[in-house]
Amino acid sequence: MIIGEAAMPEIQRAIEDVLRDDAAIGHFTRLRTLHLGPAELLVAARVTMADPSGAGQVAEALHETEQCIRERVPLATVVYLQPGSRGSSE
C-alpha cells in the first residue's frame, strides 16, 4: 500500500456492492478511493438518490449508506457521498 494509491480491486468491489445494494441509492458514478495511511481509506462518490423527496431524508439516507460502507470496509475512515442528478457529469 502506498499513500495516495487507490484501494485494491476487491475493496473497490465491496464498496460498489454496498452502493449498488442500497435501496436509497438509485445510481452512483465517479467512485474514487485513496489511501490516506496504512489503516485509512478515503472513499468519494457521486450518488443519485432513489427517492430525493426531502433534504432531511436524503441526509439521513446518505449517513446510513456511509455507515454501511464503514462496516463493510473498516479501512474506509473518510466517506464522502455527494448527491447529484443522474444527468449531471460533475
PDB file of N, CA and C in Angstrom:
ATOM      1  N   MET A   1       0.839  -1.180   0.000  1.00  0.00           N
ATOM      2  CA  MET A   1       0.000   0.000   0.000  1.00  0.00           C
ATOM      3  C   MET A   1       0.884   1.242   0.000  1.00  0.00           C
ATOM      4  N   ILE A   2       0.562   2.149  -0.882  1.00  0.00           N
ATOM      5  CA  ILE A   2       1.258   3.427  -0.978  1.00  0.00           C
ATOM      6  C   ILE A   2       0.239   4.528  -0.701  1.00  0.00           C
ATOM      7  N   ILE A   3       0.621   5.487   0.131  1.00  0.00           N
ATOM      8  CA  ILE A   3      -0.280   6.606   0.406  1.00  0.00           C
ATOM      9  C   ILE A   3      -0.585   7.302  -0.917  1.00  0.00           C
ATOM     10  N   GLY A   4      -1.860   7.559  -1.155  1.00  0.00           N
ATOM     11  CA  GLY A   4      -2.306   8.167  -2.399  1.00  0.00           C
ATOM     12  C   GLY A   4      -2.767   7.156  -3.427  1.00  0.00           C
ATOM     13  N   GLU A   5      -2.487   5.897  -3.165  1.00  0.00           N
ATOM     14  CA  GLU A   5      -2.878   4.813  -4.075  1.00  0.00           C
ATOM     15  C   GLU A   5      -4.362   4.488  -3.909  1.00  0.00           C
ATOM     16  N   ALA A   6      -4.983   4.027  -4.975  1.00  0.00           N
ATOM     17  CA  ALA A   6      -6.381   3.586  -4.910  1.00  0.00           C
ATOM     18  C   ALA A   6      -6.473   2.271  -4.146  1.00  0.00           C
ATOM     19  N   ALA A   7      -7.671   1.966  -3.659  1.00  0.00           N
ATOM     20  CA  ALA A   7      -7.906   0.707  -2.949  1.00  0.00           C
ATOM     21  C   ALA A   7      -7.739  -0.475  -3.896  1.00  0.00           C
ATOM     22  N   MET A   8      -7.420  -1.620  -3.321  1.00  0.00           N
ATOM     23  CA  MET A   8      -7.297  -2.845  -4.110  1.00  0.00           C
ATOM     24  C   MET A   8      -8.656  -3.169  -4.734  1.00  0.00           C
ATOM     25  N   PRO A   9      -8.653  -3.873  -5.875  1.00  0.00           N
ATOM     26  CA  PRO A   9      -9.908  -4.154  -6.581  1.00  0.00           C
ATOM     27  C   PRO A   9     -10.984  -4.810  -5.728  1.00  0.00           C
ATOM     28  N   GLU A  10     -10.617  -5.719  -4.831  1.00  0.00           N
ATOM     29  CA  GLU A  10     -11.648  -6.377  -4.007  1.00  0.00           C
ATOM     30  C   GLU A  10     -12.285  -5.415  -3.008  1.00  0.00           C
ATOM     31  N   ILE A  11     -11.526  -4.449  -2.527  1.00  0.00           N
ATOM     32  CA  ILE A  11     -12.096  -3.426  -1.640  1.00  0.00           C
ATOM     33  C   ILE A  11     -12.994  -2.502  -2.443  1.00  0.00           C
ATOM     34  N   GLN A  12     -12.547  -2.118  -3.615  1.00  0.00           N
ATOM     35  CA  GLN A  12     -13.361  -1.277  -4.501  1.00  0.00           C
ATOM     36  C   GLN A  12     -14.698  -1.970  -4.799  1.00  0.00           C
ATOM     37  N   ARG A  13     -14.636  -3.278  -5.110  1.00  0.00           N
ATOM     38  CA  ARG A  13     -15.867  -4.026  -5.401  1.00  0.00           C
ATOM     39  C   ARG A  13     -16.792  -4.088  -4.191  1.00  0.00           C
ATOM     40  N   ALA A  14     -16.227  -4.245  -3.001  1.00  0.00           N
ATOM     41  CA  ALA A  14     -17.047  -4.281  -1.786  1.00  0.00           C
ATOM     42  C   ALA A  14     -17.804  -2.968  -1.606  1.00  0.00           C
ATOM     43  N   ILE A  15     -17.145  -1.845  -1.867  1.00  0.00           N
ATOM     44  CA  ILE A  15     -17.796  -0.534  -1.767  1.00  0.00           C
ATOM     45  C   ILE A  15     -18.870  -0.407  -2.840  1.00  0.00           C
ATOM     46  N   GLU A  16     -18.545  -0.815  -4.061  1.00  0.00           N
ATOM     47  CA  GLU A  16     -19.540  -0.785  -5.145  1.00  0.00           C
ATOM     48  C   GLU A  16     -20.753  -1.642  -4.803  1.00  0.00           C
ATOM     49  N   ASP A  17     -20.532  -2.802  -4.186  1.00  0.00           N
ATOM     50  CA  ASP A  17     -21.642  -3.679  -3.796  1.00  0.00           C
ATOM     51  C   ASP A  17     -22.569  -2.992  -2.797  1.00  0.00           C
ATOM     52  N   VAL A  18     -21.978  -2.283  -1.812  1.00  0.00           N
ATOM     53  CA  VAL A  18     -22.802  -1.555  -0.833  1.00  0.00           C
ATOM     54  C   VAL A  18     -23.651  -0.515  -1.549  1.00  0.00           C
ATOM     55  N   LEU A  19     -23.034   0.264  -2.429  1.00  0.00           N
ATOM     56  CA  LEU A  19     -23.767   1.316  -3.141  1.00  0.00           C
ATOM     57  C   LEU A  19     -24.837   0.720  -4.058  1.00  0.00           C
ATOM     58  N   ARG A  20     -24.512  -0.363  -4.739  1.00  0.00           N
ATOM     59  CA  ARG A  20     -25.452  -0.988  -5.676  1.00  0.00           C
ATOM     60  C   ARG A  20     -26.639  -1.616  -4.941  1.00  0.00           C
ATOM     61  N   ASP A  21     -26.384  -2.190  -3.745  1.00  0.00           N
ATOM     62  CA  ASP A  21     -27.426  -2.889  -2.997  1.00  0.00           C
ATOM     63  C   ASP A  21     -28.250  -1.979  -2.096  1.00  0.00           C
ATOM     64  N   ASP A  22     -27.818  -0.744  -1.939  1.00  0.00           N
ATOM     65  CA  ASP A  22     -28.514   0.194  -1.050  1.00  0.00           C
ATOM     66  C   ASP A  22     -29.772   0.717  -1.737  1.00  0.00           C
ATOM     67  N   ALA A  23     -30.921   0.494  -1.132  1.00  0.00           N
ATOM     68  CA  ALA A  23     -32.199   0.910  -1.723  1.00  0.00           C
ATOM     69  C   ALA A  23     -32.312   2.428  -1.858  1.00  0.00           C
ATOM     70  N   ALA A  24     -31.593   3.174  -1.029  1.00  0.00           N
ATOM     71  CA  ALA A  24     -31.670   4.637  -1.073  1.00  0.00           C
ATOM     72  C   ALA A  24     -30.898   5.219  -2.258  1.00  0.00           C
ATOM     73  N   ILE A  25     -29.926   4.476  -2.756  1.00  0.00           N
ATOM     74  CA  ILE A  25     -29.086   4.953  -3.851  1.00  0.00           C
ATOM     75  C   ILE A  25     -29.649   4.439  -5.168  1.00  0.00           C
ATOM     76  N   GLY A  26     -29.987   5.356  -6.038  1.00  0.00           N
ATOM     77  CA  GLY A  26     -30.509   4.962  -7.338  1.00  0.00           C
ATOM     78  C   GLY A  26     -29.397   4.657  -8.332  1.00  0.00           C
ATOM     79  N   HIS A  27     -28.297   5.393  -8.227  1.00  0.00           N
ATOM     80  CA  HIS A  27     -27.204   5.287  -9.194  1.00  0.00           C
ATOM     81  C   HIS A  27     -25.971   5.933  -8.568  1.00  0.00           C
ATOM     82  N   PHE A  28     -24.799   5.469  -8.947  1.00  0.00           N
ATOM     83  CA  PHE A  28     -23.589   6.135  -8.475  1.00  0.00           C
ATOM     84  C   PHE A  28     -22.571   6.218  -9.611  1.00  0.00           C
ATOM     85  N   THR A  29     -21.759   7.263  -9.559  1.00  0.00           N
ATOM     86  CA  THR A  29     -20.691   7.467 -10.535  1.00  0.00           C
ATOM     87  C   THR A  29     -19.488   8.033  -9.808  1.00  0.00           C
ATOM     88  N   ARG A  30     -18.409   8.122 -10.543  1.00  0.00           N
ATOM     89  CA  ARG A  30     -17.200   8.780 -10.053  1.00  0.00           C
ATOM     90  C   ARG A  30     -16.731   8.266  -8.699  1.00  0.00           C
ATOM     91  N   LEU A  31     -16.828   6.954  -8.478  1.00  0.00           N
ATOM     92  CA  LEU A  31     -16.332   6.373  -7.239  1.00  0.00           C
ATOM     93  C   LEU A  31     -14.809   6.442  -7.247  1.00  0.00           C
ATOM     94  N   ARG A  32     -14.260   7.036  -6.201  1.00  0.00           N
ATOM     95  CA  ARG A  32     -12.814   7.158  -6.069  1.00  0.00           C
ATOM     96  C   ARG A  32     -12.418   6.694  -4.675  1.00  0.00           C
ATOM     97  N   THR A  33     -11.282   6.036  -4.596  1.00  0.00           N
ATOM     98  CA  THR A  33     -10.714   5.644  -3.310  1.00  0.00           C
ATOM     99  C   THR A  33      -9.266   6.101  -3.265  1.00  0.00           C
ATOM    100  N   LEU A  34      -8.791   6.404  -2.060  1.00  0.00           N
ATOM    101  CA  LEU A  34      -7.446   6.921  -1.906  1.00  0.00           C
ATOM    102  C   LEU A  34      -6.939   6.546  -0.512  1.00  0.00           C
ATOM    103  N   HIS A  35      -5.802   5.859  -0.441  1.00  0.00           N
ATOM    104  CA  HIS A  35      -5.216   5.532   0.857  1.00  0.00           C
ATOM    105  C   HIS A  35      -4.624   6.789   1.468  1.00  0.00           C
ATOM    106  N   LEU A  36      -5.046   7.077   2.698  1.00  0.00           N
ATOM    107  CA  LEU A  36      -4.519   8.210   3.453  1.00  0.00           C
ATOM    108  C   LEU A  36      -3.398   7.768   4.384  1.00  0.00           C
ATOM    109  N   GLY A  37      -3.346   6.488   4.668  1.00  0.00           N
ATOM    110  CA  GLY A  37      -2.352   5.896   5.555  1.00  0.00           C
ATOM    111  C   GLY A  37      -2.565   4.397   5.563  1.00  0.00           C
ATOM    112  N   PRO A  38      -1.802   3.666   6.362  1.00  0.00           N
ATOM    113  CA  PRO A  38      -1.903   2.210   6.351  1.00  0.00           C
ATOM    114  C   PRO A  38      -3.269   1.678   6.773  1.00  0.00           C
ATOM    115  N   ALA A  39      -3.975   2.426   7.596  1.00  0.00           N
ATOM    116  CA  ALA A  39      -5.282   1.951   8.075  1.00  0.00           C
ATOM    117  C   ALA A  39      -6.383   2.972   7.805  1.00  0.00           C
ATOM    118  N   GLU A  40      -6.191   3.812   6.788  1.00  0.00           N
ATOM    119  CA  GLU A  40      -7.181   4.835   6.458  1.00  0.00           C
ATOM    120  C   GLU A  40      -7.400   4.892   4.955  1.00  0.00           C
ATOM    121  N   LEU A  41      -8.676   4.868   4.586  1.00  0.00           N
ATOM    122  CA  LEU A  41      -9.045   4.942   3.180  1.00  0.00           C
ATOM    123  C   LEU A  41     -10.113   6.003   3.002  1.00  0.00           C
ATOM    124  N   LEU A  42      -9.903   6.897   2.052  1.00  0.00           N
ATOM    125  CA  LEU A  42     -10.906   7.892   1.697  1.00  0.00           C
ATOM    126  C   LEU A  42     -11.746   7.304   0.565  1.00  0.00           C
ATOM    127  N   VAL A  43     -13.057   7.441   0.689  1.00  0.00           N
ATOM    128  CA  VAL A  43     -13.997   6.983  -0.333  1.00  0.00           C
ATOM    129  C   VAL A  43     -14.844   8.183  -0.736  1.00  0.00           C
ATOM    130  N   ALA A  44     -14.937   8.432  -2.022  1.00  0.00           N
ATOM    131  CA  ALA A  44     -15.768   9.526  -2.524  1.00  0.00           C
ATOM    132  C   ALA A  44     -16.558   9.031  -3.723  1.00  0.00           C
ATOM    133  N   ALA A  45     -17.829   9.421  -3.781  1.00  0.00           N
ATOM    134  CA  ALA A  45     -18.669   9.026  -4.917  1.00  0.00           C
ATOM    135  C   ALA A  45     -19.775  10.052  -5.101  1.00  0.00           C
ATOM    136  N   ARG A  46     -20.188  10.181  -6.327  1.00  0.00           N
ATOM    137  CA  ARG A  46     -21.367  10.987  -6.655  1.00  0.00           C
ATOM    138  C   ARG A  46     -22.526  10.011  -6.742  1.00  0.00           C
ATOM    139  N   VAL A  47     -23.596  10.305  -6.029  1.00  0.00           N
ATOM    140  CA  VAL A  47     -24.737   9.391  -5.987  1.00  0.00           C
ATOM    141  C   VAL A  47     -26.024  10.109  -6.369  1.00  0.00           C
ATOM    142  N   THR A  48     -26.927   9.358  -6.947  1.00  0.00           N
ATOM    143  CA  THR A  48     -28.269   9.830  -7.224  1.00  0.00           C
ATOM    144  C   THR A  48     -29.188   9.067  -6.291  1.00  0.00           C
ATOM    145  N   MET A  49     -30.023   9.785  -5.586  1.00  0.00           N
ATOM    146  CA  MET A  49     -30.922   9.146  -4.640  1.00  0.00           C
ATOM    147  C   MET A  49     -32.103   8.523  -5.382  1.00  0.00           C
ATOM    148  N   ALA A  50     -32.530   7.368  -4.901  1.00  0.00           N
ATOM    149  CA  ALA A  50     -33.676   6.690  -5.495  1.00  0.00           C
ATOM    150  C   ALA A  50     -34.946   7.513  -5.286  1.00  0.00           C
ATOM    151  N   ASP A  51     -35.045   8.178  -4.117  1.00  0.00           N
ATOM    152  CA  ASP A  51     -36.214   8.997  -3.804  1.00  0.00           C
ATOM    153  C   ASP A  51     -35.732  10.306  -3.183  1.00  0.00           C
ATOM    154  N   PRO A  52     -35.441  11.313  -3.979  1.00  0.00           N
ATOM    155  CA  PRO A  52     -34.920  12.574  -3.448  1.00  0.00           C
ATOM    156  C   PRO A  52     -36.031  13.480  -2.905  1.00  0.00           C
ATOM    157  N   SER A  53     -36.850  12.960  -1.998  1.00  0.00           N
ATOM    158  CA  SER A  53     -38.043  13.676  -1.564  1.00  0.00           C
ATOM    159  C   SER A  53     -37.781  14.831  -0.605  1.00  0.00           C
ATOM    160  N   GLY A  54     -36.783  14.750   0.222  1.00  0.00           N
ATOM    161  CA  GLY A  54     -36.546  15.838   1.162  1.00  0.00           C
ATOM    162  C   GLY A  54     -35.111  15.850   1.628  1.00  0.00           C
ATOM    163  N   ALA A  55     -34.588  17.040   1.909  1.00  0.00           N
ATOM    164  CA  ALA A  55     -33.188  17.180   2.292  1.00  0.00           C
ATOM    165  C   ALA A  55     -32.866  16.389   3.557  1.00  0.00           C
ATOM    166  N   GLY A  56     -33.757  16.408   4.526  1.00  0.00           N
ATOM    167  CA  GLY A  56     -33.530  15.673   5.773  1.00  0.00           C
ATOM    168  C   GLY A  56     -33.462  14.178   5.538  1.00  0.00           C
ATOM    169  N   GLN A  57     -34.358  13.691   4.694  1.00  0.00           N
ATOM    170  CA  GLN A  57     -34.363  12.261   4.391  1.00  0.00           C
ATOM    171  C   GLN A  57     -33.135  11.866   3.586  1.00  0.00           C
ATOM    172  N   VAL A  58     -32.715  12.712   2.657  1.00  0.00           N
ATOM    173  CA  VAL A  58     -31.522  12.438   1.861  1.00  0.00           C
ATOM    174  C   VAL A  58     -30.302  12.401   2.777  1.00  0.00           C
ATOM    175  N   ALA A  59     -30.177  13.362   3.674  1.00  0.00           N
ATOM    176  CA  ALA A  59     -29.036  13.409   4.591  1.00  0.00           C
ATOM    177  C   ALA A  59     -29.000  12.157   5.465  1.00  0.00           C
ATOM    178  N   GLU A  60     -30.137  11.750   5.975  1.00  0.00           N
ATOM    179  CA  GLU A  60     -30.193  10.541   6.815  1.00  0.00           C
ATOM    180  C   GLU A  60     -29.835   9.300   6.005  1.00  0.00           C
ATOM    181  N   ALA A  61     -30.347   9.192   4.788  1.00  0.00           N
ATOM    182  CA  ALA A  61     -30.051   8.043   3.930  1.00  0.00           C
ATOM    183  C   ALA A  61     -28.565   7.990   3.594  1.00  0.00           C
ATOM    184  N   LEU A  62     -27.967   9.137   3.302  1.00  0.00           N
ATOM    185  CA  LEU A  62     -26.536   9.178   2.995  1.00  0.00           C
ATOM    186  C   LEU A  62     -25.702   8.775   4.202  1.00  0.00           C
ATOM    187  N   HIS A  63     -26.110   9.231   5.370  1.00  0.00           N
ATOM    188  CA  HIS A  63     -25.405   8.864   6.603  1.00  0.00           C
ATOM    189  C   HIS A  63     -25.455   7.349   6.818  1.00  0.00           C
ATOM    190  N   GLU A  64     -26.617   6.757   6.615  1.00  0.00           N
ATOM    191  CA  GLU A  64     -26.753   5.306   6.771  1.00  0.00           C
ATOM    192  C   GLU A  64     -25.906   4.551   5.745  1.00  0.00           C
ATOM    193  N   THR A  65     -25.858   5.044   4.514  1.00  0.00           N
ATOM    194  CA  THR A  65     -25.037   4.415   3.485  1.00  0.00           C
ATOM    195  C   THR A  65     -23.566   4.513   3.848  1.00  0.00           C
ATOM    196  N   GLU A  66     -23.144   5.669   4.341  1.00  0.00           N
ATOM    197  CA  GLU A  66     -21.751   5.835   4.779  1.00  0.00           C
ATOM    198  C   GLU A  66     -21.415   4.830   5.872  1.00  0.00           C
ATOM    199  N   GLN A  67     -22.333   4.644   6.824  1.00  0.00           N
ATOM    200  CA  GLN A  67     -22.112   3.679   7.909  1.00  0.00           C
ATOM    201  C   GLN A  67     -21.985   2.263   7.360  1.00  0.00           C
ATOM    202  N   CYS A  68     -22.803   1.909   6.380  1.00  0.00           N
ATOM    203  CA  CYS A  68     -22.736   0.579   5.764  1.00  0.00           C
ATOM    204  C   CYS A  68     -21.386   0.365   5.090  1.00  0.00           C
ATOM    205  N   ILE A  69     -20.891   1.390   4.423  1.00  0.00           N
ATOM    206  CA  ILE A  69     -19.575   1.287   3.786  1.00  0.00           C
ATOM    207  C   ILE A  69     -18.504   1.068   4.846  1.00  0.00           C
ATOM    208  N   ARG A  70     -18.559   1.821   5.931  1.00  0.00           N
ATOM    209  CA  ARG A  70     -17.555   1.685   7.000  1.00  0.00           C
ATOM    210  C   ARG A  70     -17.620   0.307   7.662  1.00  0.00           C
ATOM    211  N   GLU A  71     -18.829  -0.239   7.804  1.00  0.00           N
ATOM    212  CA  GLU A  71     -18.962  -1.576   8.395  1.00  0.00           C
ATOM    213  C   GLU A  71     -18.374  -2.633   7.472  1.00  0.00           C
ATOM    214  N   ARG A  72     -18.624  -2.509   6.185  1.00  0.00           N
ATOM    215  CA  ARG A  72     -18.150  -3.493   5.199  1.00  0.00           C
ATOM    216  C   ARG A  72     -16.655  -3.355   4.935  1.00  0.00           C
ATOM    217  N   VAL A  73     -16.154  -2.113   4.971  1.00  0.00           N
ATOM    218  CA  VAL A  73     -14.740  -1.834   4.711  1.00  0.00           C
ATOM    219  C   VAL A  73     -14.218  -0.955   5.853  1.00  0.00           C
ATOM    220  N   PRO A  74     -13.741  -1.575   6.936  1.00  0.00           N
ATOM    221  CA  PRO A  74     -13.294  -0.792   8.097  1.00  0.00           C
ATOM    222  C   PRO A  74     -12.194   0.222   7.795  1.00  0.00           C
ATOM    223  N   LEU A  75     -11.416   0.006   6.739  1.00  0.00           N
ATOM    224  CA  LEU A  75     -10.399   0.981   6.349  1.00  0.00           C
ATOM    225  C   LEU A  75     -11.009   2.295   5.873  1.00  0.00           C
ATOM    226  N   ALA A  76     -12.269   2.276   5.473  1.00  0.00           N
ATOM    227  CA  ALA A  76     -12.942   3.466   4.937  1.00  0.00           C
ATOM    228  C   ALA A  76     -13.273   4.409   6.088  1.00  0.00           C
ATOM    229  N   THR A  77     -12.293   5.196   6.483  1.00  0.00           N
ATOM    230  CA  THR A  77     -12.476   6.094   7.622  1.00  0.00           C
ATOM    231  C   THR A  77     -13.073   7.436   7.227  1.00  0.00           C
ATOM    232  N   VAL A  78     -12.882   7.819   5.970  1.00  0.00           N
ATOM    233  CA  VAL A  78     -13.432   9.084   5.464  1.00  0.00           C
ATOM    234  C   VAL A  78     -14.290   8.749   4.246  1.00  0.00           C
ATOM    235  N   VAL A  79     -15.596   9.031   4.354  1.00  0.00           N
ATOM    236  CA  VAL A  79     -16.520   8.708   3.264  1.00  0.00           C
ATOM    237  C   VAL A  79     -17.296   9.958   2.886  1.00  0.00           C
ATOM    238  N   TYR A  80     -17.193  10.328   1.620  1.00  0.00           N
ATOM    239  CA  TYR A  80     -17.942  11.462   1.082  1.00  0.00           C
ATOM    240  C   TYR A  80     -18.871  10.954  -0.018  1.00  0.00           C
ATOM    241  N   LEU A  81     -20.164  11.129   0.191  1.00  0.00           N
ATOM    242  CA  LEU A  81     -21.147  10.793  -0.838  1.00  0.00           C
ATOM    243  C   LEU A  81     -21.830  12.092  -1.236  1.00  0.00           C
ATOM    244  N   GLN A  82     -21.638  12.485  -2.471  1.00  0.00           N
ATOM    245  CA  GLN A  82     -22.195  13.748  -2.965  1.00  0.00           C
ATOM    246  C   GLN A  82     -23.445  13.472  -3.785  1.00  0.00           C
ATOM    247  N   PRO A  83     -24.605  13.936  -3.311  1.00  0.00           N
ATOM    248  CA  PRO A  83     -25.806  13.737  -4.103  1.00  0.00           C
ATOM    249  C   PRO A  83     -25.816  14.648  -5.310  1.00  0.00           C
ATOM    250  N   GLY A  84     -26.293  14.136  -6.405  1.00  0.00           N
ATOM    251  CA  GLY A  84     -26.382  14.902  -7.635  1.00  0.00           C
ATOM    252  C   GLY A  84     -27.476  14.335  -8.514  1.00  0.00           C
ATOM    253  N   SER A  85     -27.725  14.980  -9.623  1.00  0.00           N
ATOM    254  CA  SER A  85     -28.738  14.485 -10.541  1.00  0.00           C
ATOM    255  C   SER A  85     -28.119  13.474 -11.482  1.00  0.00           C
ATOM    256  N   ARG A  86     -28.909  12.543 -11.958  1.00  0.00           N
ATOM    257  CA  ARG A  86     -28.402  11.460 -12.796  1.00  0.00           C
ATOM    258  C   ARG A  86     -27.787  11.975 -14.088  1.00  0.00           C
ATOM    259  N   GLY A  87     -28.297  13.026 -14.634  1.00  0.00           N
ATOM    260  CA  GLY A  87     -27.776  13.562 -15.887  1.00  0.00           C
ATOM    261  C   GLY A  87     -26.536  14.418 -15.715  1.00  0.00           C
ATOM    262  N   SER A  88     -26.161  14.698 -14.481  1.00  0.00           N
ATOM    263  CA  SER A  88     -25.010  15.587 -14.219  1.00  0.00           C
ATOM    264  C   SER A  88     -23.702  14.860 -14.467  1.00  0.00           C
ATOM    265  N   SER A  89     -22.756  15.542 -15.057  1.00  0.00           N
ATOM    266  CA  SER A  89     -21.443  14.946 -15.306  1.00  0.00           C
ATOM    267  C   SER A  89     -20.407  15.390 -14.302  1.00  0.00           C
ATOM    268  N   GLU A  90     -20.789  16.237 -13.368  1.00  0.00           N
ATOM    269  CA  GLU A  90     -19.818  16.725 -12.371  1.00  0.00           C
ATOM    270  C   GLU A  90     -20.010  16.070 -11.046  1.00  0.00           C
TER     271      GLU A  90
END
